[in-house]
Amino acid sequence: MIRVLVIEEVRALCEIIARVLRAEPDIEVVGCATDIDEAVAHLGSCDLAVINGSLTTDSSLRLLHGLRRLAPRLKIVVMGLARNQQAILQCVEARVSGYVLKDSSLDDLLHSIRAAERNETLVAPPLAATLASYVADLVGLDSMGEPDPCSPQSLTRREREVLTLVQQGLTNQEIAESLVIELGTVKNHVHNILRKLNVNSRRDAVHASRLAGVWGAGGAPARPLPMGSPQRPALKPEPASLYSQALGASN
């Protein structure tokens, strides 16, 4: 039996999706939650969380990372995910177990839940190209497909973003909060930056990158997030055909 927690900001949608899942003989819905506070009460009794895929706001990403910190072994399936490279890569960095696009079916959601329970990840064809590009980016491939491991030009898009914040004097923790990624991910990026610039310290990396004219990937650098008291994370719904199907299935 797969014990599932449904997290959706709109209570009615949350209950509708839960009702559909309860109709499956191998799924037990342990609860519905509209925010992180409600979710906490169920984390000890669930194996997997199904959450809304509107990963376009800091609050949504903080909720995802909050779940990962509170329950590191919890499997997470994101439903209603937009065909957006940034949102997909944010899920990858948060170690999401399953992805369901916004135009996918309820059957796709069920397949992803069951695959995640088996420690497998189903990847829809539209996601495959994005993930392949992400992997190539991680290993530092250039546009010709040849790695150049010790050149400033070999820095990936994310490494350039991290380098920009290093140049601004931010700590690893502040960079993690600014980019809404895990601290360990930042440390890996910094390690790769030092290796590719052939330097031994962050100060040397800043100096070398300035000499080489490396200043982060296009656009204004990310600004650090405020360090005050955290706000309650909440998911903001994004209309999706998945919800329409859930409404029909619940009638």
Protein backbone atom coordinates (compact mmCIF):
# COMPACT_ATOMS: atom_id res chain seq x y z
CA MET A 1 0.00 0.00 0.00
CA ILE A 2 1.37 3.42 -1.01
CA ARG A 3 0.66 6.02 1.66
CA VAL A 4 0.16 9.37 -0.09
CA LEU A 5 -0.15 12.94 1.17
CA VAL A 6 -1.77 15.43 -1.22
CA ILE A 7 -0.60 19.05 -0.99
CA GLU A 8 -2.61 21.64 -2.91
CA GLU A 9 -3.36 25.22 -1.88
CA VAL A 10 -7.01 25.07 -2.98
CA ARG A 11 -8.81 22.87 -0.45
CA ALA A 12 -11.52 21.72 -2.88
CA LEU A 13 -8.97 20.59 -5.49
CA CYS A 14 -6.92 18.89 -2.81
CA GLU A 15 -9.92 16.86 -1.67
CA ILE A 16 -10.96 16.01 -5.24
CA ILE A 17 -7.50 14.67 -6.09
CA ALA A 18 -7.46 12.74 -2.81
CA ARG A 19 -10.85 11.21 -3.63
CA VAL A 20 -9.60 10.04 -7.02
CA LEU A 21 -6.47 8.48 -5.48
CA ARG A 22 -8.49 6.73 -2.77
CA ALA A 23 -10.34 4.84 -5.50
CA GLU A 24 -7.09 2.98 -6.31
CA PRO A 25 -6.71 -0.32 -4.41
CA ASP A 26 -2.98 0.13 -3.78
CA ILE A 27 -3.08 3.77 -2.62
CA GLU A 28 -3.98 5.08 0.82
CA VAL A 29 -4.40 8.86 1.16
CA VAL A 30 -3.23 9.77 4.66
CA GLY A 31 -4.33 13.40 4.39
CA CYS A 32 -4.75 16.64 2.48
CA ALA A 33 -2.71 19.75 3.18
CA THR A 34 -2.89 23.28 1.83
CA ASP A 35 0.43 24.47 3.29
CA ILE A 36 3.59 23.26 5.03
CA ASP A 37 2.06 23.53 8.51
CA GLU A 38 -0.71 21.10 7.65
CA ALA A 39 1.70 18.82 5.81
CA VAL A 40 4.00 18.45 8.83
CA ALA A 41 1.31 16.63 10.76
CA HIS A 42 1.20 13.86 8.14
CA LEU A 43 4.88 13.47 7.24
CA GLY A 44 5.41 10.64 9.71
CA SER A 45 2.65 8.53 8.19
CA CYS A 46 3.21 8.95 4.43
CA ASP A 47 5.63 7.48 1.92
CA LEU A 48 5.04 9.95 -0.87
CA ALA A 49 3.75 13.49 -1.32
CA VAL A 50 1.91 14.69 -4.41
CA ILE A 51 2.21 18.46 -4.75
CA ASN A 52 1.05 21.15 -7.14
CA GLY A 53 3.60 21.95 -9.82
CA SER A 54 3.38 25.74 -9.85
CA LEU A 55 7.09 26.13 -9.14
CA THR A 56 7.33 29.73 -10.25
CA THR A 57 7.45 31.52 -6.90
CA ASP A 58 9.89 31.54 -4.01
CA SER A 59 7.16 30.29 -1.66
CA SER A 60 6.49 27.23 -3.83
CA LEU A 61 10.17 26.36 -4.04
CA ARG A 62 10.61 26.89 -0.32
CA LEU A 63 7.78 24.46 0.30
CA LEU A 64 9.46 21.86 -1.86
CA HIS A 65 12.82 22.30 -0.15
CA GLY A 66 11.09 22.47 3.24
CA LEU A 67 9.60 19.02 2.65
CA ARG A 68 13.01 17.74 1.62
CA ARG A 69 14.61 19.05 4.83
CA LEU A 70 11.85 17.80 7.13
CA ALA A 71 11.56 14.37 5.51
CA PRO A 72 14.72 13.57 3.50
CA ARG A 73 13.45 10.12 2.49
CA LEU A 74 10.03 11.31 1.40
CA LYS A 75 9.31 10.68 -2.26
CA ILE A 76 7.79 13.69 -4.02
CA VAL A 77 5.75 13.67 -7.22
CA VAL A 78 5.10 17.06 -8.81
CA MET A 79 1.85 17.25 -10.77
CA GLY A 80 0.73 19.89 -13.25
CA LEU A 81 4.31 20.82 -14.13
CA ALA A 82 4.61 23.41 -16.89
CA ARG A 83 6.80 22.76 -19.95
CA ASN A 84 9.30 25.22 -18.56
CA GLN A 85 13.00 24.44 -18.43
CA GLN A 86 13.62 26.42 -15.25
CA ALA A 87 10.77 24.72 -13.37
CA ILE A 88 11.92 21.28 -14.53
CA LEU A 89 15.52 21.90 -13.48
CA GLN A 90 14.38 23.24 -10.11
CA CYS A 91 12.61 19.92 -9.58
CA VAL A 92 15.76 18.02 -10.57
CA GLU A 93 17.86 19.97 -8.09
CA ALA A 94 15.28 19.30 -5.37
CA ARG A 95 15.53 15.54 -6.10
CA VAL A 96 11.89 15.16 -7.10
CA SER A 97 10.90 11.52 -7.66
CA GLY A 98 8.25 12.01 -10.34
CA TYR A 99 7.13 14.58 -12.89
CA VAL A 100 3.64 14.96 -14.34
CA LEU A 101 3.14 17.66 -16.96
CA LYS A 102 0.10 19.94 -16.79
CA ASP A 103 -1.41 18.38 -19.91
CA SER A 104 -0.87 14.81 -18.71
CA SER A 105 -3.65 12.44 -17.71
CA LEU A 106 -4.70 11.00 -14.37
CA ASP A 107 -3.27 7.69 -15.56
CA ASP A 108 0.10 9.45 -15.98
CA LEU A 109 -0.13 10.68 -12.39
CA LEU A 110 -0.91 7.18 -11.13
CA HIS A 111 1.94 5.69 -13.16
CA SER A 112 4.35 8.27 -11.73
CA ILE A 113 3.22 7.58 -8.16
CA ARG A 114 3.70 3.83 -8.57
CA ALA A 115 7.04 4.28 -10.33
CA ALA A 116 8.30 6.57 -7.56
CA GLU A 117 7.32 3.97 -4.98
CA ARG A 118 9.53 1.49 -6.87
CA ASN A 119 12.36 4.07 -6.82
CA GLU A 120 11.93 4.64 -10.54
CA THR A 121 11.33 7.91 -12.38
CA LEU A 122 9.10 8.11 -15.42
CA VAL A 123 10.26 10.84 -17.81
CA ALA A 124 7.87 12.06 -20.48
CA PRO A 125 9.45 12.69 -23.91
CA PRO A 126 9.14 16.50 -23.58
CA LEU A 127 11.22 16.30 -20.40
CA ALA A 128 13.89 14.02 -21.82
CA ALA A 129 15.57 16.69 -23.97
CA THR A 130 15.64 19.15 -21.07
CA LEU A 131 17.17 16.58 -18.74
CA ALA A 132 19.73 15.52 -21.36
CA SER A 133 20.73 19.15 -21.82
CA TYR A 134 20.98 19.53 -18.04
CA VAL A 135 23.32 16.54 -17.75
CA ALA A 136 25.49 17.89 -20.57
CA ASP A 137 25.57 21.25 -18.80
CA LEU A 138 26.70 19.59 -15.57
CA VAL A 139 29.68 17.92 -17.20
CA GLY A 140 30.68 21.14 -18.92
CA LEU A 141 30.12 20.30 -22.56
CA ASP A 142 30.43 23.18 -25.00
CA SER A 143 28.20 23.72 -28.03
CA MET A 144 30.35 21.30 -30.05
CA GLY A 145 29.95 18.58 -27.44
CA GLU A 146 33.63 18.61 -26.38
CA PRO A 147 34.53 19.16 -22.70
CA ASP A 148 37.08 21.82 -21.79
CA PRO A 149 37.52 21.18 -18.06
CA CYS A 150 40.00 23.93 -17.18
CA SER A 151 38.66 26.97 -19.02
CA PRO A 152 36.50 29.88 -17.75
CA GLN A 153 34.39 29.43 -20.87
CA SER A 154 33.49 25.91 -19.71
CA LEU A 155 31.47 27.24 -16.75
CA THR A 156 27.84 26.15 -16.96
CA ARG A 157 24.92 28.57 -16.73
CA ARG A 158 24.33 27.70 -13.07
CA GLU A 159 28.05 27.94 -12.25
CA ARG A 160 28.11 31.43 -13.75
CA GLU A 161 25.12 32.39 -11.60
CA VAL A 162 26.90 31.07 -8.51
CA LEU A 163 30.13 32.82 -9.52
CA THR A 164 28.29 36.13 -9.87
CA LEU A 165 27.07 35.82 -6.27
CA VAL A 166 30.54 34.78 -5.09
CA GLN A 167 31.85 37.93 -6.74
CA GLN A 168 29.28 39.88 -4.71
CA GLY A 169 30.68 38.40 -1.51
CA LEU A 170 27.79 36.08 -0.62
CA THR A 171 28.41 32.99 1.51
CA ASN A 172 27.42 29.52 0.33
CA GLN A 173 24.33 29.64 2.56
CA GLU A 174 23.30 33.01 1.17
CA ILE A 175 23.81 31.74 -2.39
CA ALA A 176 21.64 28.71 -1.63
CA GLU A 177 18.86 30.96 -0.32
CA SER A 178 19.20 33.37 -3.24
CA LEU A 179 18.96 30.65 -5.91
CA VAL A 180 16.62 28.47 -3.83
CA ILE A 181 18.83 25.39 -4.09
CA GLU A 182 20.42 23.05 -1.57
CA LEU A 183 23.58 24.12 0.30
CA GLY A 184 25.32 20.95 -0.88
CA THR A 185 24.51 21.85 -4.48
CA VAL A 186 26.15 25.26 -4.01
CA LYS A 187 29.27 23.64 -2.56
CA ASN A 188 29.49 21.34 -5.58
CA HIS A 189 29.18 24.30 -7.95
CA VAL A 190 31.86 26.26 -6.08
CA HIS A 191 34.17 23.23 -6.19
CA ASN A 192 33.66 22.93 -9.96
CA ILE A 193 34.25 26.67 -10.43
CA LEU A 194 37.58 26.50 -8.59
CA ARG A 195 38.61 23.47 -10.64
CA LYS A 196 37.66 25.01 -13.98
CA LEU A 197 39.40 28.30 -13.16
CA ASN A 198 42.41 26.34 -11.87
CA VAL A 199 42.48 28.22 -8.54
CA ASN A 200 42.42 27.19 -4.88
CA SER A 201 40.21 29.79 -3.20
CA ARG A 202 37.07 31.85 -3.71
CA ARG A 203 39.17 35.04 -3.67
CA ASP A 204 41.40 33.68 -6.44
CA ALA A 205 38.29 32.63 -8.38
CA VAL A 206 36.93 36.18 -8.22
CA HIS A 207 40.26 37.61 -9.37
CA ALA A 208 40.69 35.07 -12.18
CA SER A 209 37.12 35.45 -13.40
CA ARG A 210 37.41 39.22 -13.54
CA LEU A 211 40.60 38.96 -15.55
CA ALA A 212 38.86 36.53 -17.90
CA GLY A 213 35.73 38.65 -18.13
CA VAL A 214 33.47 35.97 -16.67
CA TRP A 215 30.51 37.54 -14.91
CA GLY A 216 27.61 35.11 -14.71
CA ALA A 217 24.94 34.05 -17.17
CA GLY A 218 22.82 36.64 -18.98
CA GLY A 219 20.58 39.08 -17.22
CA ALA A 220 20.88 40.69 -13.82
CA PRO A 221 22.36 38.48 -11.09
CA ALA A 222 20.00 36.99 -8.54
CA ARG A 223 19.51 39.06 -5.40
CA PRO A 224 19.94 37.44 -1.99
CA LEU A 225 16.72 36.60 -0.19
CA PRO A 226 15.93 38.43 3.08
CA MET A 227 17.29 36.70 6.15
CA GLY A 228 14.37 37.55 8.41
CA SER A 229 11.71 35.20 9.75
CA PRO A 230 10.53 32.76 7.06
CA GLN A 231 7.10 33.11 5.58
CA ARG A 232 4.71 30.19 5.47
CA PRO A 233 5.28 28.42 2.15
CA ALA A 234 2.21 27.86 0.04
CA LEU A 235 1.55 26.44 -3.36
CA LYS A 236 -0.17 28.61 -5.93
CA PRO A 237 -2.31 26.59 -8.30
CA GLU A 238 -1.84 26.67 -12.03
CA PRO A 239 -4.93 25.62 -14.02
CA ALA A 240 -4.27 22.33 -15.73
CA SER A 241 -6.12 19.69 -17.66
CA LEU A 242 -5.11 17.30 -14.90
CA TYR A 243 -7.50 19.10 -12.56
CA SER A 244 -10.30 18.99 -15.09
CA GLN A 245 -9.85 15.25 -15.35
CA ALA A 246 -9.87 14.93 -11.56
CA LEU A 247 -13.12 16.85 -11.40
CA GLY A 248 -14.68 14.53 -13.96
CA ALA A 249 -13.37 11.40 -12.27
CA SER A 250 -14.74 12.47 -8.88
CA ASN A 251 -18.32 12.89 -10.13
